Amino acid sequence: MPKSVLLIEDEPNIIEAIGFILSRAGYQVISHGDGTTALDAVTRETPDMLILDLMLPGRGGLDILRDLRSASATKDLPVMMLTARGQKHDRDQAEHLGVTAFMTKPFANQEVLQQVQTLIGDA
């Protein structure tokens, strides 16, 4: 069974690009576009890894990350934060909350794939 990546992102072009990159490499990619129901999606899908946008409709990525790290079932889930806001403050907050990796948009396709492979291994 291929490893699964849950992509919580509201930008259709980003969803399409990351979905293509990771699917081609053999990963199962599930996307979810709403911050309000993101935790439900994590519980329902039980992914091997989460790619989480910082700015989402309904609820931000940092709040979602805080909740993931405080729950025993998801405290060790690899989470890569993906954001167009790559300021030091955002990165510091994400690291303080326990993000596993941090990547800014725009990103290189190979960089995303390498980061996923590093965090959860080959598909």
PDB file of N, CA and C in Angstrom:
ATOM      1  N   MET A   1       0.840  -1.184   0.000  1.00  0.00           N
ATOM      2  CA  MET A   1       0.000   0.000   0.000  1.00  0.00           C
ATOM      3  C   MET A   1       0.884   1.246   0.000  1.00  0.00           C
ATOM      4  N   PRO A   2       0.607   2.205  -0.894  1.00  0.00           N
ATOM      5  CA  PRO A   2       1.457   3.394  -0.949  1.00  0.00           C
ATOM      6  C   PRO A   2       1.287   4.263   0.294  1.00  0.00           C
ATOM      7  N   LYS A   3       2.322   4.986   0.605  1.00  0.00           N
ATOM      8  CA  LYS A   3       2.238   5.923   1.730  1.00  0.00           C
ATOM      9  C   LYS A   3       1.346   7.087   1.332  1.00  0.00           C
ATOM     10  N   SER A   4       0.616   7.613   2.315  1.00  0.00           N
ATOM     11  CA  SER A   4      -0.340   8.672   2.012  1.00  0.00           C
ATOM     12  C   SER A   4       0.098  10.017   2.581  1.00  0.00           C
ATOM     13  N   VAL A   5      -0.191  11.047   1.806  1.00  0.00           N
ATOM     14  CA  VAL A   5       0.101  12.421   2.180  1.00  0.00           C
ATOM     15  C   VAL A   5      -1.216  13.187   2.131  1.00  0.00           C
ATOM     16  N   LEU A   6      -1.574  13.796   3.245  1.00  0.00           N
ATOM     17  CA  LEU A   6      -2.751  14.652   3.280  1.00  0.00           C
ATOM     18  C   LEU A   6      -2.286  16.086   3.062  1.00  0.00           C
ATOM     19  N   LEU A   7      -2.796  16.697   2.012  1.00  0.00           N
ATOM     20  CA  LEU A   7      -2.442  18.066   1.645  1.00  0.00           C
ATOM     21  C   LEU A   7      -3.595  18.978   2.041  1.00  0.00           C
ATOM     22  N   ILE A   8      -3.370  19.813   3.031  1.00  0.00           N
ATOM     23  CA  ILE A   8      -4.392  20.770   3.463  1.00  0.00           C
ATOM     24  C   ILE A   8      -3.992  22.122   2.887  1.00  0.00           C
ATOM     25  N   GLU A   9      -4.661  22.453   1.793  1.00  0.00           N
ATOM     26  CA  GLU A   9      -4.295  23.603   0.965  1.00  0.00           C
ATOM     27  C   GLU A   9      -5.553  24.076   0.244  1.00  0.00           C
ATOM     28  N   ASP A  10      -5.724  25.394   0.110  1.00  0.00           N
ATOM     29  CA  ASP A  10      -6.918  25.918  -0.545  1.00  0.00           C
ATOM     30  C   ASP A  10      -6.661  26.468  -1.939  1.00  0.00           C
ATOM     31  N   GLU A  11      -5.454  26.463  -2.399  1.00  0.00           N
ATOM     32  CA  GLU A  11      -5.103  27.006  -3.705  1.00  0.00           C
ATOM     33  C   GLU A  11      -5.099  25.886  -4.752  1.00  0.00           C
ATOM     34  N   PRO A  12      -6.037  25.903  -5.706  1.00  0.00           N
ATOM     35  CA  PRO A  12      -6.151  24.810  -6.672  1.00  0.00           C
ATOM     36  C   PRO A  12      -4.871  24.503  -7.453  1.00  0.00           C
ATOM     37  N   ASN A  13      -4.118  25.538  -7.825  1.00  0.00           N
ATOM     38  CA  ASN A  13      -2.878  25.298  -8.580  1.00  0.00           C
ATOM     39  C   ASN A  13      -1.838  24.562  -7.746  1.00  0.00           C
ATOM     40  N   ILE A  14      -1.761  24.883  -6.473  1.00  0.00           N
ATOM     41  CA  ILE A  14      -0.819  24.208  -5.571  1.00  0.00           C
ATOM     42  C   ILE A  14      -1.262  22.765  -5.358  1.00  0.00           C
ATOM     43  N   ILE A  15      -2.554  22.559  -5.168  1.00  0.00           N
ATOM     44  CA  ILE A  15      -3.083  21.204  -4.988  1.00  0.00           C
ATOM     45  C   ILE A  15      -2.752  20.354  -6.210  1.00  0.00           C
ATOM     46  N   GLU A  16      -2.985  20.905  -7.383  1.00  0.00           N
ATOM     47  CA  GLU A  16      -2.714  20.168  -8.616  1.00  0.00           C
ATOM     48  C   GLU A  16      -1.224  19.858  -8.767  1.00  0.00           C
ATOM     49  N   ALA A  17      -0.376  20.846  -8.518  1.00  0.00           N
ATOM     50  CA  ALA A  17       1.068  20.649  -8.682  1.00  0.00           C
ATOM     51  C   ALA A  17       1.614  19.613  -7.705  1.00  0.00           C
ATOM     52  N   ILE A  18       1.307  19.758  -6.428  1.00  0.00           N
ATOM     53  CA  ILE A  18       1.826  18.813  -5.434  1.00  0.00           C
ATOM     54  C   ILE A  18       1.210  17.438  -5.633  1.00  0.00           C
ATOM     55  N   GLY A  19      -0.068  17.391  -5.963  1.00  0.00           N
ATOM     56  CA  GLY A  19      -0.709  16.116  -6.239  1.00  0.00           C
ATOM     57  C   GLY A  19      -0.022  15.380  -7.373  1.00  0.00           C
ATOM     58  N   PHE A  20       0.305  16.099  -8.430  1.00  0.00           N
ATOM     59  CA  PHE A  20       0.972  15.496  -9.578  1.00  0.00           C
ATOM     60  C   PHE A  20       2.374  14.997  -9.211  1.00  0.00           C
ATOM     61  N   ILE A  21       3.140  15.845  -8.556  1.00  0.00           N
ATOM     62  CA  ILE A  21       4.519  15.501  -8.182  1.00  0.00           C
ATOM     63  C   ILE A  21       4.551  14.225  -7.327  1.00  0.00           C
ATOM     64  N   LEU A  22       3.726  14.210  -6.294  1.00  0.00           N
ATOM     65  CA  LEU A  22       3.765  13.095  -5.352  1.00  0.00           C
ATOM     66  C   LEU A  22       3.099  11.835  -5.906  1.00  0.00           C
ATOM     67  N   SER A  23       2.015  11.981  -6.639  1.00  0.00           N
ATOM     68  CA  SER A  23       1.354  10.815  -7.236  1.00  0.00           C
ATOM     69  C   SER A  23       2.278  10.126  -8.228  1.00  0.00           C
ATOM     70  N   ARG A  24       2.969  10.913  -9.015  1.00  0.00           N
ATOM     71  CA  ARG A  24       3.913  10.362  -9.990  1.00  0.00           C
ATOM     72  C   ARG A  24       5.026   9.568  -9.300  1.00  0.00           C
ATOM     73  N   ALA A  25       5.358   9.972  -8.076  1.00  0.00           N
ATOM     74  CA  ALA A  25       6.400   9.275  -7.310  1.00  0.00           C
ATOM     75  C   ALA A  25       5.842   8.069  -6.548  1.00  0.00           C
ATOM     76  N   GLY A  26       4.519   7.844  -6.643  1.00  0.00           N
ATOM     77  CA  GLY A  26       3.919   6.667  -6.021  1.00  0.00           C
ATOM     78  C   GLY A  26       3.172   6.894  -4.722  1.00  0.00           C
ATOM     79  N   TYR A  27       3.096   8.131  -4.276  1.00  0.00           N
ATOM     80  CA  TYR A  27       2.374   8.432  -3.040  1.00  0.00           C
ATOM     81  C   TYR A  27       0.876   8.569  -3.314  1.00  0.00           C
ATOM     82  N   GLN A  28       0.074   8.241  -2.335  1.00  0.00           N
ATOM     83  CA  GLN A  28      -1.357   8.528  -2.396  1.00  0.00           C
ATOM     84  C   GLN A  28      -1.532   9.929  -1.827  1.00  0.00           C
ATOM     85  N   VAL A  29      -2.161  10.820  -2.580  1.00  0.00           N
ATOM     86  CA  VAL A  29      -2.341  12.201  -2.146  1.00  0.00           C
ATOM     87  C   VAL A  29      -3.830  12.481  -1.969  1.00  0.00           C
ATOM     88  N   ILE A  30      -4.180  12.939  -0.785  1.00  0.00           N
ATOM     89  CA  ILE A  30      -5.542  13.321  -0.459  1.00  0.00           C
ATOM     90  C   ILE A  30      -5.508  14.814  -0.166  1.00  0.00           C
ATOM     91  N   SER A  31      -6.420  15.579  -0.770  1.00  0.00           N
ATOM     92  CA  SER A  31      -6.413  17.020  -0.508  1.00  0.00           C
ATOM     93  C   SER A  31      -7.664  17.431   0.251  1.00  0.00           C
ATOM     94  N   HIS A  32      -7.480  18.484   1.022  1.00  0.00           N
ATOM     95  CA  HIS A  32      -8.557  19.048   1.828  1.00  0.00           C
ATOM     96  C   HIS A  32      -8.324  20.558   1.863  1.00  0.00           C
ATOM     97  N   GLY A  33      -9.364  21.357   1.616  1.00  0.00           N
ATOM     98  CA  GLY A  33      -9.149  22.783   1.445  1.00  0.00           C
ATOM     99  C   GLY A  33      -9.671  23.706   2.523  1.00  0.00           C
ATOM    100  N   ASP A  34     -10.131  23.177   3.645  1.00  0.00           N
ATOM    101  CA  ASP A  34     -10.746  24.027   4.658  1.00  0.00           C
ATOM    102  C   ASP A  34     -10.083  23.846   6.017  1.00  0.00           C
ATOM    103  N   GLY A  35      -9.655  24.954   6.599  1.00  0.00           N
ATOM    104  CA  GLY A  35      -9.012  24.889   7.897  1.00  0.00           C
ATOM    105  C   GLY A  35      -9.941  24.482   9.027  1.00  0.00           C
ATOM    106  N   THR A  36     -11.204  24.826   8.908  1.00  0.00           N
ATOM    107  CA  THR A  36     -12.165  24.527   9.970  1.00  0.00           C
ATOM    108  C   THR A  36     -12.326  23.025  10.198  1.00  0.00           C
ATOM    109  N   THR A  37     -12.302  22.247   9.126  1.00  0.00           N
ATOM    110  CA  THR A  37     -12.517  20.794   9.225  1.00  0.00           C
ATOM    111  C   THR A  37     -11.237  19.993   8.994  1.00  0.00           C
ATOM    112  N   ALA A  38     -10.101  20.661   9.032  1.00  0.00           N
ATOM    113  CA  ALA A  38      -8.829  19.992   8.760  1.00  0.00           C
ATOM    114  C   ALA A  38      -8.523  18.870   9.752  1.00  0.00           C
ATOM    115  N   LEU A  39      -8.788  19.084  11.038  1.00  0.00           N
ATOM    116  CA  LEU A  39      -8.505  18.048  12.036  1.00  0.00           C
ATOM    117  C   LEU A  39      -9.368  16.814  11.801  1.00  0.00           C
ATOM    118  N   ASP A  40     -10.609  17.019  11.390  1.00  0.00           N
ATOM    119  CA  ASP A  40     -11.470  15.887  11.051  1.00  0.00           C
ATOM    120  C   ASP A  40     -10.884  15.099   9.889  1.00  0.00           C
ATOM    121  N   ALA A  41     -10.338  15.806   8.902  1.00  0.00           N
ATOM    122  CA  ALA A  41      -9.736  15.139   7.753  1.00  0.00           C
ATOM    123  C   ALA A  41      -8.520  14.312   8.172  1.00  0.00           C
ATOM    124  N   VAL A  42      -7.719  14.832   9.076  1.00  0.00           N
ATOM    125  CA  VAL A  42      -6.546  14.090   9.561  1.00  0.00           C
ATOM    126  C   VAL A  42      -6.995  12.818  10.274  1.00  0.00           C
ATOM    127  N   THR A  43      -8.000  12.936  11.116  1.00  0.00           N
ATOM    128  CA  THR A  43      -8.515  11.779  11.848  1.00  0.00           C
ATOM    129  C   THR A  43      -9.107  10.740  10.906  1.00  0.00           C
ATOM    130  N   ARG A  44      -9.846  11.208   9.926  1.00  0.00           N
ATOM    131  CA  ARG A  44     -10.504  10.308   8.982  1.00  0.00           C
ATOM    132  C   ARG A  44      -9.512   9.602   8.067  1.00  0.00           C
ATOM    133  N   GLU A  45      -8.510  10.323   7.585  1.00  0.00           N
ATOM    134  CA  GLU A  45      -7.583   9.789   6.586  1.00  0.00           C
ATOM    135  C   GLU A  45      -6.377   9.067   7.186  1.00  0.00           C
ATOM    136  N   THR A  46      -6.009   9.359   8.409  1.00  0.00           N
ATOM    137  CA  THR A  46      -4.807   8.836   9.065  1.00  0.00           C
ATOM    138  C   THR A  46      -3.608   8.759   8.108  1.00  0.00           C
ATOM    139  N   PRO A  47      -3.159   9.923   7.631  1.00  0.00           N
ATOM    140  CA  PRO A  47      -2.063   9.946   6.656  1.00  0.00           C
ATOM    141  C   PRO A  47      -0.717   9.628   7.299  1.00  0.00           C
ATOM    142  N   ASP A  48       0.245   9.301   6.445  1.00  0.00           N
ATOM    143  CA  ASP A  48       1.622   9.114   6.905  1.00  0.00           C
ATOM    144  C   ASP A  48       2.304  10.459   7.131  1.00  0.00           C
ATOM    145  N   MET A  49       1.775  11.489   6.472  1.00  0.00           N
ATOM    146  CA  MET A  49       2.369  12.819   6.550  1.00  0.00           C
ATOM    147  C   MET A  49       1.321  13.856   6.193  1.00  0.00           C
ATOM    148  N   LEU A  50       1.526  15.078   6.681  1.00  0.00           N
ATOM    149  CA  LEU A  50       0.630  16.186   6.397  1.00  0.00           C
ATOM    150  C   LEU A  50       1.429  17.339   5.792  1.00  0.00           C
ATOM    151  N   ILE A  51       0.920  17.877   4.688  1.00  0.00           N
ATOM    152  CA  ILE A  51       1.439  19.134   4.150  1.00  0.00           C
ATOM    153  C   ILE A  51       0.362  20.167   4.458  1.00  0.00           C
ATOM    154  N   LEU A  52       0.729  21.179   5.214  1.00  0.00           N
ATOM    155  CA  LEU A  52      -0.236  22.112   5.782  1.00  0.00           C
ATOM    156  C   LEU A  52       0.072  23.549   5.377  1.00  0.00           C
ATOM    157  N   ASP A  53      -0.904  24.191   4.753  1.00  0.00           N
ATOM    158  CA  ASP A  53      -0.768  25.600   4.386  1.00  0.00           C
ATOM    159  C   ASP A  53      -0.892  26.448   5.653  1.00  0.00           C
ATOM    160  N   LEU A  54      -0.187  27.541   5.688  1.00  0.00           N
ATOM    161  CA  LEU A  54      -0.255  28.432   6.845  1.00  0.00           C
ATOM    162  C   LEU A  54      -1.565  29.221   6.870  1.00  0.00           C
ATOM    163  N   MET A  55      -1.991  29.710   5.705  1.00  0.00           N
ATOM    164  CA  MET A  55      -3.203  30.528   5.627  1.00  0.00           C
ATOM    165  C   MET A  55      -4.299  29.735   4.922  1.00  0.00           C
ATOM    166  N   LEU A  56      -5.332  29.414   5.676  1.00  0.00           N
ATOM    167  CA  LEU A  56      -6.452  28.621   5.170  1.00  0.00           C
ATOM    168  C   LEU A  56      -7.765  29.303   5.513  1.00  0.00           C
ATOM    169  N   PRO A  57      -8.803  29.043   4.732  1.00  0.00           N
ATOM    170  CA  PRO A  57     -10.108  29.586   5.119  1.00  0.00           C
ATOM    171  C   PRO A  57     -10.624  28.907   6.384  1.00  0.00           C
ATOM    172  N   GLY A  58     -11.162  29.699   7.276  1.00  0.00           N
ATOM    173  CA  GLY A  58     -11.771  29.160   8.491  1.00  0.00           C
ATOM    174  C   GLY A  58     -10.841  29.055   9.673  1.00  0.00           C
ATOM    175  N   ARG A  59      -9.655  28.514   9.456  1.00  0.00           N
ATOM    176  CA  ARG A  59      -8.726  28.293  10.575  1.00  0.00           C
ATOM    177  C   ARG A  59      -7.309  28.202  10.023  1.00  0.00           C
ATOM    178  N   GLY A  60      -6.374  28.859  10.661  1.00  0.00           N
ATOM    179  CA  GLY A  60      -5.007  28.909  10.170  1.00  0.00           C
ATOM    180  C   GLY A  60      -4.195  27.664  10.495  1.00  0.00           C
ATOM    181  N   GLY A  61      -3.156  27.477   9.717  1.00  0.00           N
ATOM    182  CA  GLY A  61      -2.280  26.323   9.871  1.00  0.00           C
ATOM    183  C   GLY A  61      -1.590  26.239  11.226  1.00  0.00           C
ATOM    184  N   LEU A  62      -1.252  27.367  11.823  1.00  0.00           N
ATOM    185  CA  LEU A  62      -0.580  27.326  13.125  1.00  0.00           C
ATOM    186  C   LEU A  62      -1.524  26.797  14.211  1.00  0.00           C
ATOM    187  N   ASP A  63      -2.791  27.196  14.147  1.00  0.00           N
ATOM    188  CA  ASP A  63      -3.763  26.678  15.120  1.00  0.00           C
ATOM    189  C   ASP A  63      -3.971  25.172  14.928  1.00  0.00           C
ATOM    190  N   ILE A  64      -4.025  24.743  13.686  1.00  0.00           N
ATOM    191  CA  ILE A  64      -4.181  23.320  13.390  1.00  0.00           C
ATOM    192  C   ILE A  64      -2.964  22.549  13.902  1.00  0.00           C
ATOM    193  N   LEU A  65      -1.778  23.082  13.645  1.00  0.00           N
ATOM    194  CA  LEU A  65      -0.550  22.437  14.111  1.00  0.00           C
ATOM    195  C   LEU A  65      -0.528  22.330  15.638  1.00  0.00           C
ATOM    196  N   ARG A  66      -0.948  23.374  16.318  1.00  0.00           N
ATOM    197  CA  ARG A  66      -0.994  23.364  17.790  1.00  0.00           C
ATOM    198  C   ARG A  66      -1.881  22.213  18.274  1.00  0.00           C
ATOM    199  N   ASP A  67      -3.048  22.063  17.662  1.00  0.00           N
ATOM    200  CA  ASP A  67      -3.959  20.983  18.052  1.00  0.00           C
ATOM    201  C   ASP A  67      -3.390  19.603  17.722  1.00  0.00           C
ATOM    202  N   LEU A  68      -2.741  19.486  16.581  1.00  0.00           N
ATOM    203  CA  LEU A  68      -2.144  18.198  16.214  1.00  0.00           C
ATOM    204  C   LEU A  68      -1.082  17.776  17.227  1.00  0.00           C
ATOM    205  N   ARG A  69      -0.278  18.715  17.649  1.00  0.00           N
ATOM    206  CA  ARG A  69       0.811  18.394  18.580  1.00  0.00           C
ATOM    207  C   ARG A  69       0.312  18.129  19.998  1.00  0.00           C
ATOM    208  N   SER A  70      -0.874  18.616  20.326  1.00  0.00           N
ATOM    209  CA  SER A  70      -1.393  18.383  21.671  1.00  0.00           C
ATOM    210  C   SER A  70      -2.204  17.094  21.774  1.00  0.00           C
ATOM    211  N   ALA A  71      -2.496  16.450  20.663  1.00  0.00           N
ATOM    212  CA  ALA A  71      -3.251  15.190  20.666  1.00  0.00           C
ATOM    213  C   ALA A  71      -2.296  14.009  20.572  1.00  0.00           C
ATOM    214  N   SER A  72      -2.492  13.022  21.407  1.00  0.00           N
ATOM    215  CA  SER A  72      -1.564  11.883  21.428  1.00  0.00           C
ATOM    216  C   SER A  72      -1.518  11.141  20.097  1.00  0.00           C
ATOM    217  N   ALA A  73      -2.626  11.067  19.383  1.00  0.00           N
ATOM    218  CA  ALA A  73      -2.663  10.322  18.121  1.00  0.00           C
ATOM    219  C   ALA A  73      -1.883  11.007  17.004  1.00  0.00           C
ATOM    220  N   THR A  74      -1.682  12.325  17.100  1.00  0.00           N
ATOM    221  CA  THR A  74      -1.032  13.056  16.011  1.00  0.00           C
ATOM    222  C   THR A  74       0.216  13.826  16.446  1.00  0.00           C
ATOM    223  N   LYS A  75       0.631  13.658  17.686  1.00  0.00           N
ATOM    224  CA  LYS A  75       1.758  14.461  18.165  1.00  0.00           C
ATOM    225  C   LYS A  75       3.052  14.190  17.409  1.00  0.00           C
ATOM    226  N   ASP A  76       3.192  12.986  16.823  1.00  0.00           N
ATOM    227  CA  ASP A  76       4.411  12.646  16.090  1.00  0.00           C
ATOM    228  C   ASP A  76       4.221  12.611  14.580  1.00  0.00           C
ATOM    229  N   LEU A  77       3.039  13.007  14.086  1.00  0.00           N
ATOM    230  CA  LEU A  77       2.776  13.016  12.656  1.00  0.00           C
ATOM    231  C   LEU A  77       3.696  14.027  11.974  1.00  0.00           C
ATOM    232  N   PRO A  78       4.451  13.600  10.951  1.00  0.00           N
ATOM    233  CA  PRO A  78       5.292  14.569  10.238  1.00  0.00           C
ATOM    234  C   PRO A  78       4.425  15.626   9.553  1.00  0.00           C
ATOM    235  N   VAL A  79       4.753  16.890   9.804  1.00  0.00           N
ATOM    236  CA  VAL A  79       4.002  18.005   9.236  1.00  0.00           C
ATOM    237  C   VAL A  79       4.975  18.955   8.549  1.00  0.00           C
ATOM    238  N   MET A  80       4.739  19.172   7.260  1.00  0.00           N
ATOM    239  CA  MET A  80       5.503  20.163   6.516  1.00  0.00           C
ATOM    240  C   MET A  80       4.596  21.362   6.289  1.00  0.00           C
ATOM    241  N   MET A  81       4.983  22.498   6.819  1.00  0.00           N
ATOM    242  CA  MET A  81       4.235  23.737   6.641  1.00  0.00           C
ATOM    243  C   MET A  81       4.654  24.339   5.307  1.00  0.00           C
ATOM    244  N   LEU A  82       3.655  24.714   4.520  1.00  0.00           N
ATOM    245  CA  LEU A  82       3.886  25.299   3.206  1.00  0.00           C
ATOM    246  C   LEU A  82       3.209  26.659   3.186  1.00  0.00           C
ATOM    247  N   THR A  83       3.951  27.694   2.850  1.00  0.00           N
ATOM    248  CA  THR A  83       3.366  29.030   2.929  1.00  0.00           C
ATOM    249  C   THR A  83       4.004  30.024   1.974  1.00  0.00           C
ATOM    250  N   ALA A  84       3.198  30.979   1.562  1.00  0.00           N
ATOM    251  CA  ALA A  84       3.714  32.110   0.792  1.00  0.00           C
ATOM    252  C   ALA A  84       4.323  33.153   1.729  1.00  0.00           C
ATOM    253  N   ARG A  85       3.976  33.037   3.002  1.00  0.00           N
ATOM    254  CA  ARG A  85       4.516  33.955   4.014  1.00  0.00           C
ATOM    255  C   ARG A  85       5.702  33.292   4.693  1.00  0.00           C
ATOM    256  N   GLY A  86       6.866  33.543   4.179  1.00  0.00           N
ATOM    257  CA  GLY A  86       8.047  32.877   4.713  1.00  0.00           C
ATOM    258  C   GLY A  86       8.874  33.720   5.658  1.00  0.00           C
ATOM    259  N   GLN A  87       8.243  34.697   6.302  1.00  0.00           N
ATOM    260  CA  GLN A  87       8.990  35.546   7.213  1.00  0.00           C
ATOM    261  C   GLN A  87       9.519  34.741   8.398  1.00  0.00           C
ATOM    262  N   LYS A  88      10.592  35.229   8.977  1.00  0.00           N
ATOM    263  CA  LYS A  88      11.216  34.559  10.116  1.00  0.00           C
ATOM    264  C   LYS A  88      10.208  34.330  11.251  1.00  0.00           C
ATOM    265  N   HIS A  89       9.349  35.288  11.490  1.00  0.00           N
ATOM    266  CA  HIS A  89       8.363  35.170  12.560  1.00  0.00           C
ATOM    267  C   HIS A  89       7.459  33.949  12.346  1.00  0.00           C
ATOM    268  N   ASP A  90       6.997  33.762  11.111  1.00  0.00           N
ATOM    269  CA  ASP A  90       6.137  32.612  10.807  1.00  0.00           C
ATOM    270  C   ASP A  90       6.889  31.301  11.005  1.00  0.00           C
ATOM    271  N   ARG A  91       8.112  31.269  10.519  1.00  0.00           N
ATOM    272  CA  ARG A  91       8.933  30.060  10.663  1.00  0.00           C
ATOM    273  C   ARG A  91       9.200  29.768  12.141  1.00  0.00           C
ATOM    274  N   ASP A  92       9.529  30.795  12.901  1.00  0.00           N
ATOM    275  CA  ASP A  92       9.802  30.612  14.330  1.00  0.00           C
ATOM    276  C   ASP A  92       8.574  30.088  15.075  1.00  0.00           C
ATOM    277  N   GLN A  93       7.398  30.645  14.753  1.00  0.00           N
ATOM    278  CA  GLN A  93       6.172  30.179  15.394  1.00  0.00           C
ATOM    279  C   GLN A  93       5.915  28.704  15.066  1.00  0.00           C
ATOM    280  N   ALA A  94       6.054  28.352  13.796  1.00  0.00           N
ATOM    281  CA  ALA A  94       5.818  26.969  13.371  1.00  0.00           C
ATOM    282  C   ALA A  94       6.806  26.021  14.056  1.00  0.00           C
ATOM    283  N   GLU A  95       8.064  26.422  14.134  1.00  0.00           N
ATOM    284  CA  GLU A  95       9.065  25.574  14.797  1.00  0.00           C
ATOM    285  C   GLU A  95       8.772  25.444  16.283  1.00  0.00           C
ATOM    286  N   HIS A  96       8.345  26.518  16.899  1.00  0.00           N
ATOM    287  CA  HIS A  96       7.995  26.479  18.320  1.00  0.00           C
ATOM    288  C   HIS A  96       6.842  25.500  18.574  1.00  0.00           C
ATOM    289  N   LEU A  97       5.916  25.419  17.639  1.00  0.00           N
ATOM    290  CA  LEU A  97       4.768  24.527  17.783  1.00  0.00           C
ATOM    291  C   LEU A  97       5.076  23.086  17.381  1.00  0.00           C
ATOM    292  N   GLY A  98       6.251  22.855  16.818  1.00  0.00           N
ATOM    293  CA  GLY A  98       6.653  21.486  16.515  1.00  0.00           C
ATOM    294  C   GLY A  98       6.533  21.054  15.072  1.00  0.00           C
ATOM    295  N   VAL A  99       6.573  22.002  14.134  1.00  0.00           N
ATOM    296  CA  VAL A  99       6.536  21.620  12.721  1.00  0.00           C
ATOM    297  C   VAL A  99       7.780  20.783  12.398  1.00  0.00           C
ATOM    298  N   THR A 100       7.627  19.835  11.504  1.00  0.00           N
ATOM    299  CA  THR A 100       8.744  18.964  11.138  1.00  0.00           C
ATOM    300  C   THR A 100       9.607  19.608  10.062  1.00  0.00           C
ATOM    301  N   ALA A 101       8.971  20.307   9.120  1.00  0.00           N
ATOM    302  CA  ALA A 101       9.683  20.987   8.033  1.00  0.00           C
ATOM    303  C   ALA A 101       8.888  22.219   7.638  1.00  0.00           C
ATOM    304  N   PHE A 102       9.574  23.172   7.021  1.00  0.00           N
ATOM    305  CA  PHE A 102       8.952  24.441   6.642  1.00  0.00           C
ATOM    306  C   PHE A 102       9.416  24.779   5.234  1.00  0.00           C
ATOM    307  N   MET A 103       8.479  25.042   4.329  1.00  0.00           N
ATOM    308  CA  MET A 103       8.834  25.350   2.946  1.00  0.00           C
ATOM    309  C   MET A 103       8.006  26.545   2.473  1.00  0.00           C
ATOM    310  N   THR A 104       8.637  27.428   1.719  1.00  0.00           N
ATOM    311  CA  THR A 104       7.933  28.599   1.216  1.00  0.00           C
ATOM    312  C   THR A 104       7.528  28.409  -0.244  1.00  0.00           C
ATOM    313  N   LYS A 105       6.451  29.097  -0.609  1.00  0.00           N
ATOM    314  CA  LYS A 105       5.995  29.153  -2.000  1.00  0.00           C
ATOM    315  C   LYS A 105       6.633  30.388  -2.619  1.00  0.00           C
ATOM    316  N   PRO A 106       7.005  30.367  -3.856  1.00  0.00           N
ATOM    317  CA  PRO A 106       6.989  29.212  -4.748  1.00  0.00           C
ATOM    318  C   PRO A 106       8.059  28.204  -4.354  1.00  0.00           C
ATOM    319  N   PHE A 107       7.835  26.970  -4.733  1.00  0.00           N
ATOM    320  CA  PHE A 107       8.744  25.891  -4.373  1.00  0.00           C
ATOM    321  C   PHE A 107       9.186  25.162  -5.629  1.00  0.00           C
ATOM    322  N   ALA A 108      10.293  24.463  -5.513  1.00  0.00           N
ATOM    323  CA  ALA A 108      10.761  23.614  -6.612  1.00  0.00           C
ATOM    324  C   ALA A 108      10.135  22.229  -6.442  1.00  0.00           C
ATOM    325  N   ASN A 109       9.646  21.668  -7.529  1.00  0.00           N
ATOM    326  CA  ASN A 109       9.011  20.349  -7.471  1.00  0.00           C
ATOM    327  C   ASN A 109       9.902  19.311  -6.810  1.00  0.00           C
ATOM    328  N   GLN A 110      11.154  19.293  -7.200  1.00  0.00           N
ATOM    329  CA  GLN A 110      12.086  18.299  -6.647  1.00  0.00           C
ATOM    330  C   GLN A 110      12.294  18.512  -5.150  1.00  0.00           C
ATOM    331  N   GLU A 111      12.249  19.751  -4.724  1.00  0.00           N
ATOM    332  CA  GLU A 111      12.418  20.063  -3.300  1.00  0.00           C
ATOM    333  C   GLU A 111      11.262  19.487  -2.472  1.00  0.00           C
ATOM    334  N   VAL A 112      10.039  19.606  -2.976  1.00  0.00           N
ATOM    335  CA  VAL A 112       8.881  19.038  -2.281  1.00  0.00           C
ATOM    336  C   VAL A 112       9.023  17.525  -2.190  1.00  0.00           C
ATOM    337  N   LEU A 113       9.338  16.893  -3.309  1.00  0.00           N
ATOM    338  CA  LEU A 113       9.482  15.438  -3.330  1.00  0.00           C
ATOM    339  C   LEU A 113      10.582  14.976  -2.383  1.00  0.00           C
ATOM    340  N   GLN A 114      11.714  15.641  -2.396  1.00  0.00           N
ATOM    341  CA  GLN A 114      12.816  15.262  -1.502  1.00  0.00           C
ATOM    342  C   GLN A 114      12.430  15.403  -0.036  1.00  0.00           C
ATOM    343  N   GLN A 115      11.702  16.446   0.282  1.00  0.00           N
ATOM    344  CA  GLN A 115      11.292  16.666   1.666  1.00  0.00           C
ATOM    345  C   GLN A 115      10.327  15.560   2.119  1.00  0.00           C
ATOM    346  N   VAL A 116       9.385  15.195   1.256  1.00  0.00           N
ATOM    347  CA  VAL A 116       8.449  14.114   1.583  1.00  0.00           C
ATOM    348  C   VAL A 116       9.210  12.806   1.767  1.00  0.00           C
ATOM    349  N   GLN A 117      10.124  12.523   0.874  1.00  0.00           N
ATOM    350  CA  GLN A 117      10.928  11.291   0.982  1.00  0.00           C
ATOM    351  C   GLN A 117      11.746  11.289   2.267  1.00  0.00           C
ATOM    352  N   THR A 118      12.276  12.436   2.645  1.00  0.00           N
ATOM    353  CA  THR A 118      13.036  12.524   3.889  1.00  0.00           C
ATOM    354  C   THR A 118      12.149  12.269   5.116  1.00  0.00           C
ATOM    355  N   LEU A 119      10.937  12.802   5.088  1.00  0.00           N
ATOM    356  CA  LEU A 119      10.068  12.712   6.255  1.00  0.00           C
ATOM    357  C   LEU A 119       9.380  11.357   6.407  1.00  0.00           C
ATOM    358  N   ILE A 120       9.002  10.717   5.285  1.00  0.00           N
ATOM    359  CA  ILE A 120       8.276   9.433   5.416  1.00  0.00           C
ATOM    360  C   ILE A 120       8.843   8.311   4.575  1.00  0.00           C
ATOM    361  N   GLY A 121       9.912   8.572   3.833  1.00  0.00           N
ATOM    362  CA  GLY A 121      10.519   7.522   3.026  1.00  0.00           C
ATOM    363  C   GLY A 121       9.885   7.418   1.654  1.00  0.00           C
ATOM    364  N   ASP A 122      10.371   6.493   0.865  1.00  0.00           N
ATOM    365  CA  ASP A 122       9.845   6.293  -0.480  1.00  0.00           C
ATOM    366  C   ASP A 122       8.443   5.733  -0.421  1.00  0.00           C
ATOM    367  N   ALA A 123       7.686   6.046  -1.460  1.00  0.00           N
ATOM    368  CA  ALA A 123       6.307   5.550  -1.552  1.00  0.00           C
ATOM    369  C   ALA A 123       6.332   4.040  -1.668  1.00  0.00           C
TER     370      ALA A 123
END
